[in-house]
N, C-alpha and C. Protein backbone atom coordinates (compact mmCIF):
# COMPACT_ATOMS: atom_id res chain seq x y z
N MET A 1 186.22 -22.32 -117.48
CA MET A 1 185.73 -23.54 -118.11
C MET A 1 186.61 -24.71 -117.74
N ASP A 2 186.01 -25.83 -117.36
CA ASP A 2 186.82 -26.99 -117.04
C ASP A 2 187.03 -27.84 -118.26
N ASP A 3 187.81 -28.92 -118.12
CA ASP A 3 188.18 -29.75 -119.27
C ASP A 3 187.25 -30.94 -119.48
N LYS A 4 186.08 -30.91 -118.88
CA LYS A 4 185.14 -32.00 -119.03
C LYS A 4 184.36 -31.84 -120.34
N PRO A 5 184.10 -32.97 -121.02
CA PRO A 5 183.28 -32.88 -122.25
C PRO A 5 181.86 -32.40 -121.93
N VAL A 6 181.28 -31.71 -122.86
CA VAL A 6 179.92 -31.18 -122.72
C VAL A 6 179.06 -31.81 -123.81
N ARG A 7 177.92 -32.38 -123.41
CA ARG A 7 177.03 -32.97 -124.39
C ARG A 7 176.35 -31.86 -125.17
N VAL A 8 176.30 -32.02 -126.49
CA VAL A 8 175.66 -31.04 -127.36
C VAL A 8 174.31 -31.60 -127.77
N ALA A 9 173.31 -30.80 -127.66
CA ALA A 9 171.96 -31.22 -128.05
C ALA A 9 171.90 -31.41 -129.55
N THR A 10 171.26 -32.49 -129.99
CA THR A 10 171.11 -32.75 -131.43
C THR A 10 169.79 -32.13 -131.88
N ARG A 11 169.79 -31.78 -133.15
CA ARG A 11 168.58 -31.25 -133.73
C ARG A 11 168.61 -31.54 -135.25
N PRO A 12 167.51 -31.45 -135.92
CA PRO A 12 167.50 -31.76 -137.37
C PRO A 12 168.52 -30.89 -138.13
N MET A 13 169.09 -31.46 -139.18
CA MET A 13 170.06 -30.78 -139.99
C MET A 13 169.36 -29.64 -140.72
N PRO A 14 170.02 -28.47 -140.88
CA PRO A 14 169.45 -27.37 -141.59
C PRO A 14 169.30 -27.72 -143.08
N LEU A 15 168.68 -26.87 -143.80
CA LEU A 15 168.54 -27.07 -145.23
C LEU A 15 169.92 -27.26 -145.87
N GLU A 16 169.94 -27.99 -146.99
CA GLU A 16 171.19 -28.27 -147.69
C GLU A 16 171.99 -26.98 -147.97
N THR A 17 171.30 -25.93 -148.38
CA THR A 17 171.99 -24.68 -148.69
C THR A 17 172.68 -24.12 -147.48
N ARG A 18 172.05 -24.17 -146.33
CA ARG A 18 172.63 -23.64 -145.11
C ARG A 18 173.85 -24.51 -144.70
N LEU A 19 173.75 -25.80 -144.88
CA LEU A 19 174.86 -26.69 -144.54
C LEU A 19 176.04 -26.40 -145.51
N GLU A 20 175.73 -26.18 -146.77
CA GLU A 20 176.80 -25.80 -147.72
C GLU A 20 177.50 -24.51 -147.25
N GLU A 21 176.74 -23.55 -146.81
CA GLU A 21 177.30 -22.28 -146.33
C GLU A 21 178.21 -22.54 -145.15
N LEU A 22 177.79 -23.39 -144.21
CA LEU A 22 178.60 -23.66 -143.03
C LEU A 22 179.92 -24.33 -143.41
N ILE A 23 179.84 -25.31 -144.33
CA ILE A 23 181.07 -25.98 -144.76
C ILE A 23 181.95 -25.04 -145.55
N GLU A 24 181.35 -24.23 -146.38
CA GLU A 24 182.13 -23.29 -147.17
C GLU A 24 182.88 -22.30 -146.26
N ALA A 25 182.22 -21.87 -145.19
CA ALA A 25 182.85 -20.94 -144.27
C ALA A 25 183.99 -21.57 -143.48
N ASP A 26 183.89 -22.88 -143.21
CA ASP A 26 184.93 -23.57 -142.45
C ASP A 26 184.99 -25.03 -142.87
N PRO A 27 185.69 -25.34 -143.96
CA PRO A 27 185.78 -26.74 -144.43
C PRO A 27 186.39 -27.67 -143.40
N GLY A 28 187.11 -27.12 -142.43
CA GLY A 28 187.73 -27.90 -141.37
C GLY A 28 186.75 -28.66 -140.52
N ILE A 29 185.48 -28.24 -140.52
CA ILE A 29 184.46 -28.95 -139.74
C ILE A 29 184.27 -30.37 -140.22
N LEU A 30 184.75 -30.70 -141.41
CA LEU A 30 184.63 -32.04 -141.96
C LEU A 30 185.68 -32.99 -141.36
N GLY A 31 186.66 -32.43 -140.65
CA GLY A 31 187.67 -33.25 -140.06
C GLY A 31 188.81 -33.63 -140.99
N HIS A 32 188.86 -33.01 -142.16
CA HIS A 32 189.93 -33.28 -143.12
C HIS A 32 190.23 -31.96 -143.80
N PRO A 33 191.52 -31.53 -143.77
CA PRO A 33 191.83 -30.22 -144.37
C PRO A 33 191.60 -30.19 -145.86
N LEU A 34 190.71 -29.35 -146.26
CA LEU A 34 190.37 -29.20 -147.70
C LEU A 34 190.38 -27.71 -148.08
N LEU A 35 190.74 -27.49 -149.30
CA LEU A 35 190.59 -26.17 -149.90
C LEU A 35 189.42 -26.24 -150.86
N LEU A 36 188.35 -25.50 -150.59
CA LEU A 36 187.20 -25.56 -151.51
C LEU A 36 187.57 -24.84 -152.80
N ILE A 37 187.32 -25.51 -153.91
CA ILE A 37 187.64 -24.91 -155.24
C ILE A 37 186.38 -24.68 -156.07
N GLY A 38 185.23 -25.12 -155.58
CA GLY A 38 183.99 -24.90 -156.34
C GLY A 38 182.76 -25.13 -155.50
N ARG A 39 181.72 -24.42 -155.82
CA ARG A 39 180.41 -24.61 -155.20
C ARG A 39 179.38 -24.55 -156.31
N GLN A 40 178.43 -25.52 -156.28
CA GLN A 40 177.41 -25.66 -157.29
C GLN A 40 178.05 -25.72 -158.69
N VAL A 41 178.95 -26.74 -158.82
CA VAL A 41 179.75 -26.91 -160.03
C VAL A 41 178.97 -27.80 -161.01
N LEU A 42 178.77 -27.28 -162.23
CA LEU A 42 178.06 -27.97 -163.26
C LEU A 42 178.96 -29.04 -163.87
N THR A 43 178.50 -30.30 -163.94
CA THR A 43 179.27 -31.40 -164.55
C THR A 43 178.97 -31.43 -166.04
N GLN A 44 179.74 -32.22 -166.74
CA GLN A 44 179.50 -32.38 -168.18
C GLN A 44 178.19 -33.10 -168.48
N HIS A 45 177.60 -33.74 -167.47
CA HIS A 45 176.35 -34.44 -167.63
C HIS A 45 175.14 -33.60 -167.23
N GLY A 46 175.39 -32.32 -166.95
CA GLY A 46 174.33 -31.41 -166.58
C GLY A 46 173.87 -31.49 -165.13
N LYS A 47 174.61 -32.21 -164.32
CA LYS A 47 174.30 -32.31 -162.89
C LYS A 47 175.12 -31.25 -162.15
N VAL A 48 174.76 -30.99 -160.90
CA VAL A 48 175.44 -29.97 -160.11
C VAL A 48 176.00 -30.53 -158.84
N VAL A 49 177.32 -30.43 -158.65
CA VAL A 49 178.00 -30.87 -157.45
C VAL A 49 177.89 -29.74 -156.41
N ASP A 50 177.48 -30.11 -155.18
CA ASP A 50 177.32 -29.07 -154.16
C ASP A 50 178.64 -28.34 -153.87
N LEU A 51 179.65 -29.09 -153.48
CA LEU A 51 180.95 -28.47 -153.16
C LEU A 51 182.07 -29.37 -153.73
N LEU A 52 183.14 -28.74 -154.21
CA LEU A 52 184.28 -29.50 -154.71
C LEU A 52 185.49 -28.99 -153.97
N GLY A 53 186.24 -29.90 -153.37
CA GLY A 53 187.43 -29.51 -152.61
C GLY A 53 188.64 -30.22 -153.08
N MET A 54 189.80 -29.70 -152.67
CA MET A 54 191.07 -30.32 -153.02
C MET A 54 191.90 -30.42 -151.74
N ASP A 55 192.57 -31.59 -151.57
CA ASP A 55 193.42 -31.74 -150.40
C ASP A 55 194.86 -31.33 -150.77
N ALA A 56 195.73 -31.38 -149.80
CA ALA A 56 197.12 -30.92 -149.98
C ALA A 56 197.90 -31.73 -150.99
N GLU A 57 197.46 -32.98 -151.24
CA GLU A 57 198.13 -33.83 -152.19
C GLU A 57 197.58 -33.67 -153.60
N GLY A 58 196.56 -32.82 -153.74
CA GLY A 58 195.95 -32.62 -155.07
C GLY A 58 194.78 -33.51 -155.38
N GLY A 59 194.34 -34.32 -154.37
CA GLY A 59 193.18 -35.18 -154.58
C GLY A 59 191.91 -34.33 -154.49
N LEU A 60 190.95 -34.65 -155.35
CA LEU A 60 189.71 -33.94 -155.38
C LEU A 60 188.69 -34.65 -154.53
N HIS A 61 187.83 -33.86 -153.86
CA HIS A 61 186.79 -34.37 -152.98
C HIS A 61 185.45 -33.78 -153.39
N VAL A 62 184.51 -34.64 -153.73
CA VAL A 62 183.14 -34.18 -154.02
C VAL A 62 182.35 -34.25 -152.73
N LEU A 63 181.77 -33.11 -152.38
CA LEU A 63 180.95 -33.02 -151.17
C LEU A 63 179.48 -32.81 -151.63
N GLU A 64 178.72 -33.85 -151.42
CA GLU A 64 177.33 -33.83 -151.85
C GLU A 64 176.43 -33.95 -150.64
N LEU A 65 175.54 -32.99 -150.46
CA LEU A 65 174.71 -32.92 -149.27
C LEU A 65 173.26 -33.30 -149.69
N LYS A 66 172.71 -34.26 -148.96
CA LYS A 66 171.37 -34.77 -149.34
C LYS A 66 170.46 -34.85 -148.13
N ARG A 67 169.22 -34.53 -148.40
CA ARG A 67 168.12 -34.68 -147.42
C ARG A 67 167.03 -35.49 -148.09
N ASP A 68 166.46 -36.40 -147.34
CA ASP A 68 165.28 -37.10 -147.81
C ASP A 68 165.51 -37.85 -149.16
N ARG A 69 166.64 -38.46 -149.30
CA ARG A 69 166.91 -39.27 -150.50
C ARG A 69 167.20 -40.69 -150.08
N THR A 70 166.86 -41.62 -150.92
CA THR A 70 167.13 -43.02 -150.59
C THR A 70 168.62 -43.31 -150.75
N PRO A 71 169.14 -44.28 -150.03
CA PRO A 71 170.57 -44.61 -150.16
C PRO A 71 170.92 -44.95 -151.63
N ARG A 72 170.04 -45.60 -152.33
CA ARG A 72 170.31 -45.97 -153.71
C ARG A 72 170.53 -44.73 -154.59
N GLU A 73 169.69 -43.71 -154.39
CA GLU A 73 169.84 -42.46 -155.14
C GLU A 73 171.16 -41.77 -154.86
N VAL A 74 171.50 -41.75 -153.55
CA VAL A 74 172.73 -41.09 -153.12
C VAL A 74 173.95 -41.83 -153.70
N VAL A 75 173.96 -43.16 -153.60
CA VAL A 75 175.10 -43.91 -154.13
C VAL A 75 175.25 -43.72 -155.63
N ALA A 76 174.13 -43.75 -156.36
CA ALA A 76 174.21 -43.55 -157.80
C ALA A 76 174.77 -42.19 -158.14
N GLN A 77 174.34 -41.17 -157.41
CA GLN A 77 174.84 -39.83 -157.66
C GLN A 77 176.30 -39.69 -157.34
N VAL A 78 176.74 -40.27 -156.24
CA VAL A 78 178.14 -40.21 -155.84
C VAL A 78 179.02 -40.92 -156.88
N LEU A 79 178.56 -42.06 -157.39
CA LEU A 79 179.32 -42.76 -158.43
C LEU A 79 179.39 -41.97 -159.71
N ASP A 80 178.32 -41.29 -160.07
CA ASP A 80 178.31 -40.44 -161.27
C ASP A 80 179.29 -39.28 -161.09
N TYR A 81 179.29 -38.64 -159.96
CA TYR A 81 180.19 -37.52 -159.69
C TYR A 81 181.64 -38.02 -159.62
N GLY A 82 181.85 -39.17 -159.06
CA GLY A 82 183.22 -39.73 -158.97
C GLY A 82 183.80 -39.98 -160.34
N SER A 83 183.00 -40.51 -161.26
CA SER A 83 183.52 -40.74 -162.62
C SER A 83 183.79 -39.39 -163.34
N TRP A 84 182.95 -38.39 -163.05
CA TRP A 84 183.18 -37.07 -163.65
C TRP A 84 184.49 -36.46 -163.16
N VAL A 85 184.68 -36.55 -161.84
CA VAL A 85 185.92 -35.97 -161.22
C VAL A 85 187.16 -36.63 -161.79
N GLN A 86 187.13 -37.93 -161.99
CA GLN A 86 188.32 -38.63 -162.50
C GLN A 86 188.68 -38.19 -163.90
N GLU A 87 187.76 -37.66 -164.64
CA GLU A 87 188.04 -37.25 -166.03
C GLU A 87 188.45 -35.78 -166.12
N LEU A 88 188.41 -35.04 -165.03
CA LEU A 88 188.78 -33.62 -165.07
C LEU A 88 190.27 -33.45 -165.38
N THR A 89 190.56 -32.53 -166.29
CA THR A 89 191.93 -32.20 -166.59
C THR A 89 192.39 -31.09 -165.64
N ASN A 90 193.70 -30.84 -165.61
CA ASN A 90 194.21 -29.78 -164.76
C ASN A 90 193.65 -28.42 -165.19
N ASP A 91 193.51 -28.21 -166.51
CA ASP A 91 192.92 -26.95 -166.99
C ASP A 91 191.46 -26.81 -166.52
N GLN A 92 190.70 -27.89 -166.55
CA GLN A 92 189.32 -27.80 -166.09
C GLN A 92 189.27 -27.53 -164.60
N ILE A 93 190.18 -28.10 -163.82
CA ILE A 93 190.22 -27.87 -162.39
C ILE A 93 190.54 -26.40 -162.13
N ARG A 94 191.52 -25.84 -162.84
CA ARG A 94 191.86 -24.44 -162.72
C ARG A 94 190.66 -23.58 -163.07
N ASP A 95 189.94 -23.89 -164.14
CA ASP A 95 188.78 -23.12 -164.56
C ASP A 95 187.69 -23.14 -163.51
N ILE A 96 187.44 -24.30 -162.91
CA ILE A 96 186.47 -24.42 -161.83
C ILE A 96 186.85 -23.48 -160.68
N TYR A 97 188.12 -23.57 -160.28
CA TYR A 97 188.58 -22.71 -159.18
C TYR A 97 188.53 -21.23 -159.56
N THR A 98 188.94 -20.90 -160.74
CA THR A 98 188.94 -19.49 -161.16
C THR A 98 187.50 -18.91 -161.10
N SER A 99 186.56 -19.68 -161.59
CA SER A 99 185.17 -19.20 -161.54
C SER A 99 184.69 -19.06 -160.10
N TYR A 100 185.03 -20.03 -159.24
CA TYR A 100 184.69 -19.95 -157.84
C TYR A 100 185.31 -18.77 -157.15
N ALA A 101 186.62 -18.60 -157.37
CA ALA A 101 187.36 -17.54 -156.71
C ALA A 101 186.85 -16.15 -157.18
N ARG A 102 186.48 -16.04 -158.42
CA ARG A 102 185.95 -14.77 -158.95
C ARG A 102 184.68 -14.42 -158.17
N GLY A 103 183.83 -15.39 -157.91
CA GLY A 103 182.60 -15.14 -157.16
C GLY A 103 182.86 -14.85 -155.68
N LYS A 104 183.95 -15.44 -155.15
CA LYS A 104 184.28 -15.26 -153.75
C LYS A 104 185.21 -14.06 -153.48
N ARG A 105 185.83 -13.54 -154.54
CA ARG A 105 186.80 -12.47 -154.47
C ARG A 105 187.90 -12.81 -153.48
N THR A 106 188.50 -13.98 -153.68
CA THR A 106 189.59 -14.43 -152.80
C THR A 106 190.90 -13.77 -153.20
N GLY A 107 191.82 -13.76 -152.24
CA GLY A 107 193.13 -13.15 -152.48
C GLY A 107 194.04 -14.07 -153.28
N GLY A 108 195.13 -13.53 -153.76
CA GLY A 108 196.05 -14.29 -154.62
C GLY A 108 196.71 -15.45 -153.92
N GLY A 109 196.88 -15.38 -152.57
CA GLY A 109 197.55 -16.44 -151.85
C GLY A 109 196.85 -17.78 -152.01
N VAL A 110 195.54 -17.76 -151.97
CA VAL A 110 194.78 -18.99 -152.13
C VAL A 110 194.97 -19.52 -153.54
N GLY A 111 194.97 -18.68 -154.52
CA GLY A 111 195.17 -19.08 -155.91
C GLY A 111 196.50 -19.80 -156.09
N ARG A 112 197.55 -19.31 -155.43
CA ARG A 112 198.86 -19.95 -155.53
C ARG A 112 198.78 -21.33 -154.91
N GLY A 113 198.04 -21.48 -153.82
CA GLY A 113 197.86 -22.79 -153.19
C GLY A 113 197.17 -23.77 -154.14
N VAL A 114 196.18 -23.32 -154.87
CA VAL A 114 195.48 -24.19 -155.82
C VAL A 114 196.44 -24.59 -156.95
N ARG A 115 197.18 -23.64 -157.47
CA ARG A 115 198.14 -23.96 -158.53
C ARG A 115 199.13 -25.00 -158.07
N SER A 116 199.61 -24.86 -156.85
CA SER A 116 200.57 -25.80 -156.31
C SER A 116 199.93 -27.22 -156.11
N ALA A 117 198.71 -27.25 -155.65
CA ALA A 117 198.02 -28.53 -155.49
C ALA A 117 197.72 -29.18 -156.84
N VAL A 118 197.37 -28.37 -157.83
CA VAL A 118 197.14 -28.92 -159.16
C VAL A 118 198.42 -29.50 -159.74
N ARG A 119 199.56 -28.84 -159.49
CA ARG A 119 200.83 -29.37 -159.94
C ARG A 119 201.10 -30.73 -159.25
N ARG A 120 200.82 -30.83 -157.96
CA ARG A 120 201.01 -32.08 -157.25
C ARG A 120 200.08 -33.13 -157.85
N HIS A 121 198.87 -32.75 -158.18
CA HIS A 121 197.93 -33.69 -158.82
C HIS A 121 198.50 -34.20 -160.10
N SER A 122 198.99 -33.29 -160.96
CA SER A 122 199.48 -33.70 -162.26
C SER A 122 200.77 -34.51 -162.16
N ALA A 123 201.55 -34.30 -161.08
CA ALA A 123 202.79 -35.06 -160.90
C ALA A 123 202.52 -36.47 -160.39
N GLY A 124 201.29 -36.68 -159.89
CA GLY A 124 200.93 -37.99 -159.37
C GLY A 124 200.77 -39.02 -160.46
N SER A 125 200.45 -40.23 -160.06
CA SER A 125 200.24 -41.31 -161.03
C SER A 125 198.94 -41.07 -161.79
N SER A 126 198.74 -41.88 -162.78
CA SER A 126 197.51 -41.78 -163.56
C SER A 126 196.32 -42.30 -162.75
N GLN A 127 196.61 -42.97 -161.65
CA GLN A 127 195.55 -43.43 -160.76
C GLN A 127 195.10 -42.24 -159.96
N PHE A 128 194.10 -41.56 -160.43
CA PHE A 128 193.61 -40.30 -159.82
C PHE A 128 192.96 -40.59 -158.49
N ASP A 129 193.39 -39.91 -157.47
CA ASP A 129 192.86 -40.13 -156.12
C ASP A 129 191.68 -39.15 -155.86
N SER A 130 190.50 -39.61 -156.11
CA SER A 130 189.34 -38.75 -155.85
C SER A 130 188.50 -39.41 -154.77
N ARG A 131 187.80 -38.58 -154.02
CA ARG A 131 186.96 -39.09 -152.95
C ARG A 131 185.61 -38.37 -153.02
N SER A 132 184.57 -39.09 -152.70
CA SER A 132 183.28 -38.50 -152.61
C SER A 132 182.74 -38.61 -151.20
N HIS A 133 182.11 -37.58 -150.76
CA HIS A 133 181.55 -37.57 -149.40
C HIS A 133 180.10 -37.16 -149.55
N HIS A 134 179.26 -37.70 -148.74
CA HIS A 134 177.87 -37.22 -148.74
C HIS A 134 177.40 -37.15 -147.31
N CYS A 135 176.51 -36.26 -147.09
CA CYS A 135 175.92 -36.07 -145.78
C CYS A 135 174.41 -36.23 -145.98
N ARG A 136 173.81 -37.13 -145.23
CA ARG A 136 172.40 -37.43 -145.38
C ARG A 136 171.74 -37.39 -144.02
N GLU A 137 170.60 -36.77 -143.98
CA GLU A 137 169.84 -36.74 -142.72
C GLU A 137 168.85 -37.91 -142.73
């Protein structure tokens, strides 16, 4: 193989569920190192976040995947999820991860990483660093 770039053919995005599976299998495809701590997470408002991730500094990232939605709907949903994430306590974050890990049957090493990131989150300022991402076709 030579070092020349190769053009990749584009095609329509797969269903949201399939895209969730791909991101869950390799969160690195997003271009930002994240540890997924939840999938299909129920918020206090009865809404469901597609994926919830945490970065090395303890910042939470909402990953919301949308097809065939208007930009206004997507922005409203992202703002709603962002306000929910900012109100999460460390115990709630741990509970979300514990529930997710139980379903994924992950090893203890990942759990230690989450505990460490949650400690970094709680050591940070009260200005909670949360980010929302959405993917829209």
